Amino acid sequence: MKNYRLGLNHGGRVQFVLDIRAKDLRAAAKEWARLTSHNDCLYNEEKRTYFGWPVVKTKLPALQRKPELEM
């Protein structure tokens, strides 16, 4: 497993940056789409794009996520 820092390149600005742990970049992008609620019909898993905008690796700081609550 590797760590990937991914975000959505929207018109030259990278948004929704998250650190994702996955076996490869494709799996990391798929998990990024799921976590950011971008995994609808506009997400192209093969091209790793959402509405034509690419999901890219970045060095920008990642958003902080709260731990999942146990029920």
N, C-alpha and C. Protein backbone atom coordinates (compact mmCIF):
# COMPACT_ATOMS: atom_id res chain seq x y z
N MET A 1 0.84 -1.18 0.00
CA MET A 1 0.00 0.00 0.00
C MET A 1 0.89 1.25 0.00
N LYS A 2 0.46 2.23 -0.78
CA LYS A 2 1.18 3.49 -0.88
C LYS A 2 0.25 4.63 -0.48
N ASN A 3 0.84 5.75 -0.14
CA ASN A 3 0.07 6.95 0.16
C ASN A 3 0.05 7.86 -1.06
N TYR A 4 -1.13 8.37 -1.38
CA TYR A 4 -1.31 9.29 -2.49
C TYR A 4 -2.03 10.53 -1.98
N ARG A 5 -1.59 11.70 -2.40
CA ARG A 5 -2.29 12.94 -2.09
C ARG A 5 -2.93 13.41 -3.39
N LEU A 6 -4.25 13.35 -3.44
CA LEU A 6 -4.99 13.62 -4.66
C LEU A 6 -5.97 14.76 -4.48
N GLY A 7 -6.23 15.45 -5.60
CA GLY A 7 -7.23 16.51 -5.61
C GLY A 7 -7.79 16.65 -7.01
N LEU A 8 -8.82 17.46 -7.14
CA LEU A 8 -9.48 17.70 -8.41
C LEU A 8 -8.94 18.98 -9.02
N ASN A 9 -8.34 18.87 -10.22
CA ASN A 9 -7.81 20.04 -10.92
C ASN A 9 -8.97 20.69 -11.67
N HIS A 10 -9.50 21.74 -11.08
CA HIS A 10 -10.67 22.43 -11.62
C HIS A 10 -10.22 23.78 -12.16
N GLY A 11 -9.97 23.83 -13.46
CA GLY A 11 -9.55 25.09 -14.09
C GLY A 11 -8.21 25.60 -13.60
N GLY A 12 -7.28 24.71 -13.31
CA GLY A 12 -5.96 25.11 -12.85
C GLY A 12 -5.83 25.23 -11.35
N ARG A 13 -6.93 25.09 -10.63
CA ARG A 13 -6.90 25.14 -9.16
C ARG A 13 -7.24 23.74 -8.63
N VAL A 14 -6.41 23.24 -7.74
CA VAL A 14 -6.63 21.90 -7.18
C VAL A 14 -7.46 22.04 -5.91
N GLN A 15 -8.57 21.30 -5.87
CA GLN A 15 -9.51 21.35 -4.74
C GLN A 15 -9.77 19.95 -4.22
N PHE A 16 -10.38 19.88 -3.05
CA PHE A 16 -10.78 18.60 -2.44
C PHE A 16 -9.56 17.68 -2.24
N VAL A 17 -8.47 18.20 -1.72
CA VAL A 17 -7.23 17.44 -1.56
C VAL A 17 -7.34 16.49 -0.36
N LEU A 18 -7.07 15.22 -0.61
CA LEU A 18 -7.09 14.20 0.44
C LEU A 18 -5.88 13.28 0.33
N ASP A 19 -5.44 12.79 1.48
CA ASP A 19 -4.43 11.73 1.52
C ASP A 19 -5.16 10.40 1.47
N ILE A 20 -4.79 9.56 0.53
CA ILE A 20 -5.45 8.27 0.32
C ILE A 20 -4.39 7.17 0.36
N ARG A 21 -4.69 6.11 1.06
CA ARG A 21 -3.80 4.94 1.11
C ARG A 21 -4.43 3.86 0.23
N ALA A 22 -3.68 3.43 -0.80
CA ALA A 22 -4.22 2.44 -1.75
C ALA A 22 -3.07 1.69 -2.41
N LYS A 23 -3.43 0.61 -3.13
CA LYS A 23 -2.40 -0.21 -3.78
C LYS A 23 -1.84 0.42 -5.04
N ASP A 24 -2.65 1.26 -5.73
CA ASP A 24 -2.17 1.95 -6.92
C ASP A 24 -2.95 3.25 -7.12
N LEU A 25 -2.53 4.03 -8.11
CA LEU A 25 -3.13 5.34 -8.34
C LEU A 25 -4.60 5.22 -8.74
N ARG A 26 -4.94 4.23 -9.54
CA ARG A 26 -6.33 4.05 -9.97
C ARG A 26 -7.24 3.77 -8.77
N ALA A 27 -6.79 2.88 -7.88
CA ALA A 27 -7.58 2.57 -6.68
C ALA A 27 -7.67 3.80 -5.76
N ALA A 28 -6.59 4.57 -5.67
CA ALA A 28 -6.60 5.78 -4.85
C ALA A 28 -7.59 6.80 -5.40
N ALA A 29 -7.61 6.98 -6.72
CA ALA A 29 -8.54 7.93 -7.34
C ALA A 29 -9.99 7.49 -7.14
N LYS A 30 -10.24 6.20 -7.21
CA LYS A 30 -11.59 5.68 -6.98
C LYS A 30 -12.02 5.94 -5.54
N GLU A 31 -11.11 5.73 -4.59
CA GLU A 31 -11.41 5.99 -3.18
C GLU A 31 -11.60 7.49 -2.94
N TRP A 32 -10.78 8.32 -3.61
CA TRP A 32 -10.94 9.77 -3.50
C TRP A 32 -12.34 10.17 -3.95
N ALA A 33 -12.80 9.63 -5.08
CA ALA A 33 -14.13 9.95 -5.60
C ALA A 33 -15.21 9.53 -4.61
N ARG A 34 -15.05 8.38 -3.99
CA ARG A 34 -16.04 7.91 -3.02
C ARG A 34 -16.08 8.82 -1.79
N LEU A 35 -14.90 9.17 -1.26
CA LEU A 35 -14.84 9.99 -0.05
C LEU A 35 -15.34 11.41 -0.26
N THR A 36 -15.16 11.94 -1.45
CA THR A 36 -15.58 13.32 -1.74
C THR A 36 -16.96 13.40 -2.38
N SER A 37 -17.63 12.26 -2.48
CA SER A 37 -18.97 12.18 -3.11
C SER A 37 -18.94 12.58 -4.58
N HIS A 38 -17.84 12.31 -5.26
CA HIS A 38 -17.72 12.55 -6.69
C HIS A 38 -17.83 11.24 -7.47
N ASN A 39 -18.38 10.20 -6.86
CA ASN A 39 -18.45 8.89 -7.52
C ASN A 39 -19.81 8.65 -8.18
N ASP A 40 -20.35 9.68 -8.80
CA ASP A 40 -21.62 9.53 -9.52
C ASP A 40 -21.33 9.27 -11.00
N CYS A 41 -22.32 9.41 -11.83
CA CYS A 41 -22.17 9.10 -13.26
C CYS A 41 -21.21 10.05 -13.98
N LEU A 42 -20.83 11.16 -13.38
CA LEU A 42 -19.90 12.10 -14.01
C LEU A 42 -18.43 11.72 -13.79
N TYR A 43 -18.19 10.75 -12.91
CA TYR A 43 -16.82 10.30 -12.65
C TYR A 43 -16.44 9.22 -13.65
N ASN A 44 -15.33 9.42 -14.36
CA ASN A 44 -14.82 8.45 -15.32
C ASN A 44 -13.64 7.73 -14.66
N GLU A 45 -13.90 6.52 -14.20
CA GLU A 45 -12.88 5.76 -13.47
C GLU A 45 -11.67 5.44 -14.34
N GLU A 46 -11.89 5.15 -15.62
CA GLU A 46 -10.79 4.80 -16.52
C GLU A 46 -9.84 5.97 -16.74
N LYS A 47 -10.39 7.16 -16.96
CA LYS A 47 -9.56 8.35 -17.21
C LYS A 47 -9.22 9.12 -15.94
N ARG A 48 -9.83 8.73 -14.81
CA ARG A 48 -9.66 9.42 -13.53
C ARG A 48 -10.03 10.90 -13.65
N THR A 49 -11.23 11.15 -14.22
CA THR A 49 -11.73 12.52 -14.36
C THR A 49 -13.13 12.62 -13.78
N TYR A 50 -13.48 13.81 -13.34
CA TYR A 50 -14.84 14.11 -12.91
C TYR A 50 -15.32 15.29 -13.75
N PHE A 51 -16.35 15.07 -14.55
CA PHE A 51 -16.91 16.09 -15.44
C PHE A 51 -15.82 16.65 -16.36
N GLY A 52 -14.85 15.79 -16.72
CA GLY A 52 -13.76 16.20 -17.59
C GLY A 52 -12.56 16.78 -16.87
N TRP A 53 -12.68 17.07 -15.58
CA TRP A 53 -11.58 17.63 -14.81
C TRP A 53 -10.78 16.48 -14.21
N PRO A 54 -9.45 16.51 -14.34
CA PRO A 54 -8.64 15.37 -13.87
C PRO A 54 -8.45 15.34 -12.36
N VAL A 55 -8.42 14.13 -11.82
CA VAL A 55 -8.02 13.91 -10.43
C VAL A 55 -6.50 13.71 -10.49
N VAL A 56 -5.76 14.58 -9.79
CA VAL A 56 -4.30 14.63 -9.93
C VAL A 56 -3.60 14.46 -8.59
N LYS A 57 -2.33 14.03 -8.68
CA LYS A 57 -1.46 14.02 -7.51
C LYS A 57 -1.02 15.46 -7.26
N THR A 58 -0.88 15.81 -5.99
CA THR A 58 -0.51 17.18 -5.64
C THR A 58 0.34 17.19 -4.38
N LYS A 59 0.99 18.31 -4.13
CA LYS A 59 1.75 18.50 -2.91
C LYS A 59 1.06 19.50 -1.98
N LEU A 60 -0.12 19.96 -2.36
CA LEU A 60 -0.88 20.88 -1.52
C LEU A 60 -1.28 20.18 -0.22
N PRO A 61 -1.52 20.95 0.84
CA PRO A 61 -1.92 20.32 2.09
C PRO A 61 -3.29 19.64 1.96
N ALA A 62 -3.41 18.49 2.57
CA ALA A 62 -4.65 17.72 2.51
C ALA A 62 -5.66 18.26 3.51
N LEU A 63 -6.93 18.10 3.18
CA LEU A 63 -8.00 18.43 4.12
C LEU A 63 -7.91 17.48 5.31
N GLN A 64 -8.27 17.95 6.47
CA GLN A 64 -8.27 17.10 7.66
C GLN A 64 -9.61 16.41 7.78
N ARG A 65 -9.57 15.10 8.00
CA ARG A 65 -10.81 14.33 8.15
C ARG A 65 -11.00 13.94 9.61
N LYS A 66 -12.24 13.95 10.05
CA LYS A 66 -12.56 13.50 11.40
C LYS A 66 -12.58 11.98 11.40
N PRO A 67 -12.21 11.35 12.51
CA PRO A 67 -12.30 9.89 12.57
C PRO A 67 -13.75 9.45 12.48
N GLU A 68 -13.96 8.27 11.90
CA GLU A 68 -15.31 7.74 11.78
C GLU A 68 -15.82 7.35 13.16
N LEU A 69 -17.08 7.66 13.41
CA LEU A 69 -17.69 7.34 14.69
C LEU A 69 -18.19 5.91 14.70
N GLU A 70 -18.00 5.24 15.79
CA GLU A 70 -18.51 3.89 15.93
C GLU A 70 -19.92 3.96 16.49
N MET A 71 -20.80 3.16 15.94
CA MET A 71 -22.18 3.15 16.41
C MET A 71 -22.44 1.93 17.22
